[in-house]
Amino acid sequence: MNVPECRRLRLVLGDQLNELHDWFSDTCPDSLYVLAELRQEATYTRHHVQKMAAFFAAMRSFADRLEALGHRVLFLELDDTAGYEDLPALLEALIRHSGA
């Protein structure tokens, strides 16, 4: 996993796509915002495939918006997170690789 070095990782979940949140009020070069498509998001209950596609597309769009505002963003697609059993395992790897 290619994770930029940072002091602070900030996980943004798919239901937290609000650029007016205090986190985004100014850019911080020490912070890395992480948005991740996770298999467990798609499988914890039955979802229509179009709903999941729209959900992940909204996350991608928000990541692009944050980058346009000058924030450091790491967006992980399903293929990037496939090797991790769950969110805690992914977070452990992100912390280890980023130095946060």
Protein backbone atom coordinates (compact mmCIF):
# COMPACT_ATOMS: atom_id res chain seq x y z
CA MET A 1 0.00 0.00 0.00
CA ASN A 2 1.38 3.39 -1.00
CA VAL A 3 0.42 5.72 1.86
CA PRO A 4 1.92 9.21 2.11
CA GLU A 5 3.65 10.07 5.36
CA CYS A 6 1.57 12.14 7.78
CA ARG A 7 1.15 12.96 11.45
CA ARG A 8 -2.64 12.65 11.46
CA LEU A 9 -4.98 10.31 9.60
CA ARG A 10 -8.59 11.39 9.32
CA LEU A 11 -11.03 8.73 8.23
CA VAL A 12 -14.05 10.06 6.34
CA LEU A 13 -16.89 7.56 6.12
CA GLY A 14 -19.40 7.47 3.30
CA ASP A 15 -22.13 9.08 5.40
CA GLN A 16 -19.85 11.99 6.43
CA LEU A 17 -19.44 13.74 3.08
CA ASN A 18 -19.89 17.31 4.31
CA GLU A 19 -17.27 19.83 3.28
CA LEU A 20 -18.65 22.28 5.90
CA HIS A 21 -17.36 20.07 8.74
CA ASP A 22 -14.77 21.79 10.96
CA TRP A 23 -12.06 19.40 9.76
CA PHE A 24 -12.13 21.01 6.34
CA SER A 25 -12.13 24.67 7.41
CA ASP A 26 -8.44 25.01 6.53
CA THR A 27 -5.79 22.82 4.99
CA CYS A 28 -3.18 21.13 7.14
CA PRO A 29 -0.12 19.57 5.48
CA ASP A 30 0.22 17.12 8.40
CA SER A 31 -3.26 15.63 7.89
CA LEU A 32 -4.24 12.95 5.41
CA TYR A 33 -7.93 12.35 4.75
CA VAL A 34 -8.73 8.73 3.98
CA LEU A 35 -11.84 7.60 2.12
CA ALA A 36 -12.08 3.88 1.48
CA GLU A 37 -14.46 1.68 -0.43
CA LEU A 38 -14.91 -1.32 1.85
CA ARG A 39 -16.46 -4.68 1.08
CA GLN A 40 -18.11 -4.73 4.51
CA GLU A 41 -20.03 -1.56 3.54
CA ALA A 42 -21.57 -3.44 0.65
CA THR A 43 -22.25 -6.71 2.46
CA TYR A 44 -23.41 -5.93 6.01
CA THR A 45 -26.95 -5.94 4.60
CA ARG A 46 -28.50 -6.37 1.16
CA HIS A 47 -28.11 -3.33 -1.06
CA HIS A 48 -29.05 -2.81 -4.66
CA VAL A 49 -25.92 -2.68 -6.83
CA GLN A 50 -26.91 0.77 -8.12
CA LYS A 51 -27.09 2.07 -4.55
CA MET A 52 -23.57 0.86 -3.84
CA ALA A 53 -22.29 2.32 -7.11
CA ALA A 54 -23.84 5.69 -6.23
CA PHE A 55 -22.49 5.50 -2.66
CA PHE A 56 -18.93 4.83 -3.82
CA ALA A 57 -19.21 7.43 -6.62
CA ALA A 58 -20.25 10.04 -4.05
CA MET A 59 -17.20 9.15 -1.95
CA ARG A 60 -14.91 9.48 -4.98
CA SER A 61 -16.47 12.83 -5.90
CA PHE A 62 -16.03 14.11 -2.35
CA ALA A 63 -12.38 13.00 -2.32
CA ASP A 64 -11.84 14.91 -5.57
CA ARG A 65 -13.52 17.98 -4.05
CA LEU A 66 -11.28 17.85 -0.97
CA GLU A 67 -8.21 17.63 -3.20
CA ALA A 68 -9.46 20.62 -5.21
CA LEU A 69 -9.72 22.55 -1.93
CA GLY A 70 -6.07 21.76 -1.19
CA HIS A 71 -6.40 18.87 1.26
CA ARG A 72 -4.23 15.76 1.14
CA VAL A 73 -6.47 12.80 0.31
CA LEU A 74 -5.99 9.07 -0.04
CA PHE A 75 -8.89 7.36 -1.81
CA LEU A 76 -8.86 3.57 -1.67
CA GLU A 77 -10.99 1.61 -4.13
CA LEU A 78 -12.43 -1.84 -3.44
CA ASP A 79 -9.43 -3.49 -5.08
CA ASP A 80 -7.12 -1.53 -2.75
CA THR A 81 -8.93 -2.67 0.39
CA ALA A 82 -9.67 -6.26 -0.69
CA GLY A 83 -6.76 -7.70 1.29
CA TYR A 84 -8.04 -6.39 4.63
CA GLU A 85 -10.55 -8.35 6.67
CA ASP A 86 -12.33 -5.29 8.07
CA LEU A 87 -11.99 -1.59 8.85
CA PRO A 88 -9.79 -2.06 11.96
CA ALA A 89 -7.30 -4.13 9.94
CA LEU A 90 -7.20 -1.45 7.24
CA LEU A 91 -6.71 1.30 9.83
CA GLU A 92 -3.84 -0.60 11.46
CA ALA A 93 -2.11 -0.88 8.08
CA LEU A 94 -2.69 2.80 7.29
CA ILE A 95 -1.22 3.88 10.63
CA ARG A 96 1.77 1.58 10.19
CA HIS A 97 2.51 2.76 6.63
CA SER A 98 1.88 6.47 7.20
CA GLY A 99 3.80 6.91 10.44
CA ALA A 100 0.77 8.59 12.05
